[in-house]
Structures are given as C-alpha cells and as structure tokens.
C-alpha cells in the first residue's frame, strides 16, 4: 500500500486536512467528519499539496470554477458514479438528489444517491455542497450547513452566466 501523506492548512471555512498517496488525493477533511478515515499511519508532508492549496485559494477567491487534480477516492462503483455526477454540476448551480439520480441513469436510487453523496471523501473538489433538497432546502453536509451555505453563496457571488442564488431565499 502507498504511504498516505497529509497536511492541515487554514481556509476561509476553517482548517482543512488533505491526504494523498502516489495515486492522488484521497481525502479533504473538515475539523469534524461523519466518516473519519483511519489516520494512524499517515505521515505529515506538505509537499504533495502545493497545487491543491493553490487551487483552493483560487476557488475561495472566486477565480477557479473547477479543480484539476489527480483524485484517488476509494468507493464502490455506484459511489464513483454519484461522485462523477457531482463533478458535472456546474459551478454556481445546484441539483436535487432526484436530479442527480436521473443524471447518473438511476432515477429510483434517490436515497442511495444521498448516502453516496454523504460519503464523498473530497468535498469542495467533488462539489457535494451543490446538492440541495427538492424544495430548495439546505440538506446535510459533512462540514455543516453554515459551510454549505458559505460555499453556495461564494459560488453565487462569482456565478456563471448571471446565475444568482439569493441568500434570502434559502431556509435558515
């Protein structure tokens, strides 16, 4: 098995921990995570994350709309299909779980799509924050609803083609 290297750094949404091996980025973690990986054998090394940090800084500045990084998330084929579907949601846009289930060709799997979305090990990069309830409500997010709202508002401010997510239209 490849050695997992990690680094923790500050961001506008708080500390983030990135972990990668020779295959690519495996995790981007918040301070608290629902699905915590085993970190026992990880080795601190900031070097593999220079490009990630550059791209995250550009994203938070509203200058980057999609990430170009080697990703190596571990999951089932269904999870990978969902995560691929998440990456297809345009910057500044949102989809419901039902929309995502249809997009991956499995319209009856709405609940399973929600579970796979919740297991996404690379939030922000694989933009699970862009999935909201069918009624437009904020739904669960590993970083918490406040961070989800922050990310959606950030993308709305720098949105594409005039798309604006009105903050006052979101449930509080």
Protein backbone atom coordinates (compact mmCIF):
# COMPACT_ATOMS: atom_id res chain seq x y z
CA UNK A 1 0.00 0.00 0.00
CA UNK A 2 1.13 3.54 -0.75
CA UNK A 3 2.12 5.79 2.11
CA UNK A 4 -0.59 8.32 2.94
CA UNK A 5 0.81 11.81 3.28
CA UNK A 6 -1.22 14.64 4.80
CA UNK A 7 -1.17 18.30 5.63
CA UNK A 8 -3.53 20.58 7.52
CA UNK A 9 -3.95 24.20 6.50
CA UNK A 10 -6.26 27.13 7.10
CA UNK A 11 -9.03 28.15 4.73
CA UNK A 12 -11.92 30.63 4.84
CA UNK A 13 -14.12 27.80 6.18
CA UNK A 14 -11.66 26.67 8.85
CA UNK A 15 -8.85 24.12 8.91
CA UNK A 16 -8.80 21.52 6.14
CA UNK A 17 -6.77 18.33 6.14
CA UNK A 18 -5.74 16.86 2.81
CA UNK A 19 -4.45 13.31 2.44
CA UNK A 20 -2.98 11.67 -0.64
CA UNK A 21 -0.85 8.80 -1.78
CA UNK A 22 1.02 8.14 -5.02
CA UNK A 23 -2.29 7.63 -6.86
CA UNK A 24 -3.71 11.04 -5.96
CA UNK A 25 -5.81 12.94 -3.46
CA UNK A 26 -7.82 10.60 -1.23
CA UNK A 27 -9.44 12.90 1.35
CA UNK A 28 -10.20 16.52 2.04
CA UNK A 29 -11.42 16.70 5.61
CA UNK A 30 -13.06 19.26 7.83
CA UNK A 31 -12.26 19.54 11.53
CA UNK A 32 -15.14 17.14 12.25
CA UNK A 33 -16.24 14.49 9.75
CA UNK A 34 -19.08 12.00 9.75
CA UNK A 35 -16.91 9.34 8.13
CA UNK A 36 -13.44 9.64 9.55
CA UNK A 37 -10.62 7.68 7.89
CA UNK A 38 -8.03 5.86 9.96
CA UNK A 39 -5.16 8.35 10.25
CA UNK A 40 -2.83 6.19 12.31
CA UNK A 41 -0.18 5.54 9.63
CA UNK A 42 -0.40 8.92 7.90
CA UNK A 43 2.81 10.96 7.55
CA UNK A 44 2.84 14.76 7.58
CA UNK A 45 4.27 16.21 4.38
CA UNK A 46 3.08 19.49 2.85
CA UNK A 47 4.87 18.96 -0.48
CA UNK A 48 2.18 16.91 -2.26
CA UNK A 49 -0.41 19.60 -1.55
CA UNK A 50 1.15 22.71 -3.08
CA UNK A 51 -1.10 22.56 -6.16
CA UNK A 52 -4.19 21.71 -4.10
CA UNK A 53 -3.57 24.72 -1.88
CA UNK A 54 -3.07 26.95 -4.93
CA UNK A 55 -6.32 25.75 -6.50
CA UNK A 56 -8.29 26.04 -3.25
CA UNK A 57 -7.02 29.62 -2.77
CA UNK A 58 -8.14 30.45 -6.33
CA UNK A 59 -11.53 28.79 -5.69
CA UNK A 60 -12.10 30.76 -2.47
CA UNK A 61 -11.08 33.96 -4.30
CA UNK A 62 -13.76 33.24 -6.93
CA UNK A 63 -11.15 32.70 -9.65
CA UNK A 64 -11.44 28.92 -10.10
CA UNK A 65 -14.61 27.08 -11.06
CA UNK A 66 -13.32 23.53 -11.36
CA UNK A 67 -10.41 21.60 -9.92
CA UNK A 68 -7.78 19.82 -11.97
CA UNK A 69 -6.08 17.43 -9.58
CA UNK A 70 -5.32 13.70 -9.58
CA UNK A 71 -8.08 12.15 -7.46
CA UNK A 72 -7.98 8.69 -5.91
CA UNK A 73 -11.08 8.41 -3.76
CA UNK A 74 -11.96 4.89 -2.70
CA UNK A 75 -15.56 3.79 -3.10
CA UNK A 76 -17.98 1.43 -4.76
CA UNK A 77 -18.79 1.71 -8.48
CA UNK A 78 -22.12 3.31 -7.53
CA UNK A 79 -20.41 5.87 -5.27
CA UNK A 80 -17.98 6.71 -8.07
CA UNK A 81 -20.92 7.22 -10.45
CA UNK A 82 -22.51 9.63 -7.97
CA UNK A 83 -19.23 11.46 -7.37
CA UNK A 84 -18.75 11.78 -11.12
CA UNK A 85 -22.27 13.17 -11.34
CA UNK A 86 -21.40 15.72 -8.66
CA UNK A 87 -18.40 16.89 -10.69
CA UNK A 88 -20.75 17.50 -13.63
CA UNK A 89 -22.87 20.02 -11.68
CA UNK A 90 -21.75 23.43 -12.96
CA UNK A 91 -20.14 25.96 -10.67
CA UNK A 92 -22.77 28.19 -9.11
CA UNK A 93 -25.58 25.76 -9.84
CA UNK A 94 -27.44 23.27 -7.67
CA UNK A 95 -29.26 19.98 -8.16
CA UNK A 96 -31.59 17.90 -6.04
CA UNK A 97 -30.84 14.30 -5.10
CA UNK A 98 -33.55 13.29 -7.57
CA UNK A 99 -31.86 15.33 -10.34
CA UNK A 100 -28.57 13.61 -9.56
CA UNK A 101 -30.18 10.15 -9.57
CA UNK A 102 -31.62 10.88 -13.02
CA UNK A 103 -28.28 12.29 -14.24
CA UNK A 104 -26.46 9.07 -13.38
CA UNK A 105 -29.15 6.97 -15.06
CA UNK A 106 -30.64 5.51 -11.88
CA UNK A 107 -33.80 7.53 -11.17
CA UNK A 108 -35.10 5.19 -8.45
CA UNK A 109 -31.91 5.46 -6.40
CA UNK A 110 -32.60 8.86 -4.83
CA UNK A 111 -31.95 7.65 -1.29
CA UNK A 112 -28.80 5.75 -2.32
CA UNK A 113 -27.58 8.86 -4.13
CA UNK A 114 -27.98 10.77 -0.87
CA UNK A 115 -25.96 8.18 1.01
CA UNK A 116 -23.19 8.18 -1.62
CA UNK A 117 -23.19 11.97 -1.61
CA UNK A 118 -22.71 11.88 2.16
CA UNK A 119 -19.72 9.52 1.80
CA UNK A 120 -17.89 11.86 -0.59
CA UNK A 121 -14.29 11.96 0.71
CA UNK A 122 -13.38 15.06 -1.33
CA UNK A 123 -15.89 17.82 -0.54
CA UNK A 124 -15.47 21.12 -2.38
CA UNK A 125 -13.36 19.40 -5.06
CA UNK A 126 -16.16 16.94 -5.73
CA UNK A 127 -18.90 19.51 -5.06
CA UNK A 128 -21.43 17.69 -2.90
CA UNK A 129 -22.39 21.08 -1.45
CA UNK A 130 -24.24 21.75 -4.73
CA UNK A 131 -26.90 19.17 -3.86
CA UNK A 132 -29.94 20.57 -2.08
CA UNK A 133 -33.40 19.31 -1.23
CA UNK A 134 -36.01 19.12 -3.98
CA UNK A 135 -37.81 22.03 -2.28
CA UNK A 136 -34.63 24.14 -2.30
CA UNK A 137 -33.86 23.46 1.35
CA UNK A 138 -30.37 23.08 2.71
CA UNK A 139 -29.75 19.41 3.38
CA UNK A 140 -26.98 17.65 5.28
CA UNK A 141 -23.36 18.44 4.58
CA UNK A 142 -20.26 16.97 6.23
CA UNK A 143 -18.89 20.41 7.02
CA UNK A 144 -22.22 21.61 8.39
CA UNK A 145 -24.98 23.72 6.90
CA UNK A 146 -23.16 27.02 7.60
CA UNK A 147 -20.20 25.91 5.47
CA UNK A 148 -22.52 24.60 2.76
CA UNK A 149 -24.29 27.96 2.68
CA UNK A 150 -20.91 29.76 2.58
CA UNK A 151 -19.79 27.69 -0.44
CA UNK A 152 -23.08 28.20 -2.29
CA UNK A 153 -23.03 31.93 -1.56
CA UNK A 154 -19.39 32.14 -2.73
CA UNK A 155 -20.30 30.47 -6.00
CA UNK A 156 -23.39 32.65 -6.38
CA UNK A 157 -21.28 35.81 -5.99
CA UNK A 158 -18.89 34.62 -8.66
CA UNK A 159 -21.54 32.61 -10.51
CA UNK A 160 -21.69 31.67 -14.12
CA UNK A 161 -23.88 33.31 -16.73
CA UNK A 162 -25.66 35.56 -14.26
CA UNK A 163 -26.87 32.71 -12.02
CA UNK A 164 -27.54 34.06 -8.55
CA UNK A 165 -28.58 32.05 -5.52
CA UNK A 166 -30.42 34.59 -3.40
CA UNK A 167 -29.29 34.15 0.18
CA UNK A 168 -32.60 35.43 1.50
CA UNK A 169 -34.46 32.69 -0.39
CA UNK A 170 -32.59 29.94 1.46
CA UNK A 171 -34.05 28.37 4.59
CA UNK A 172 -32.22 29.40 7.75
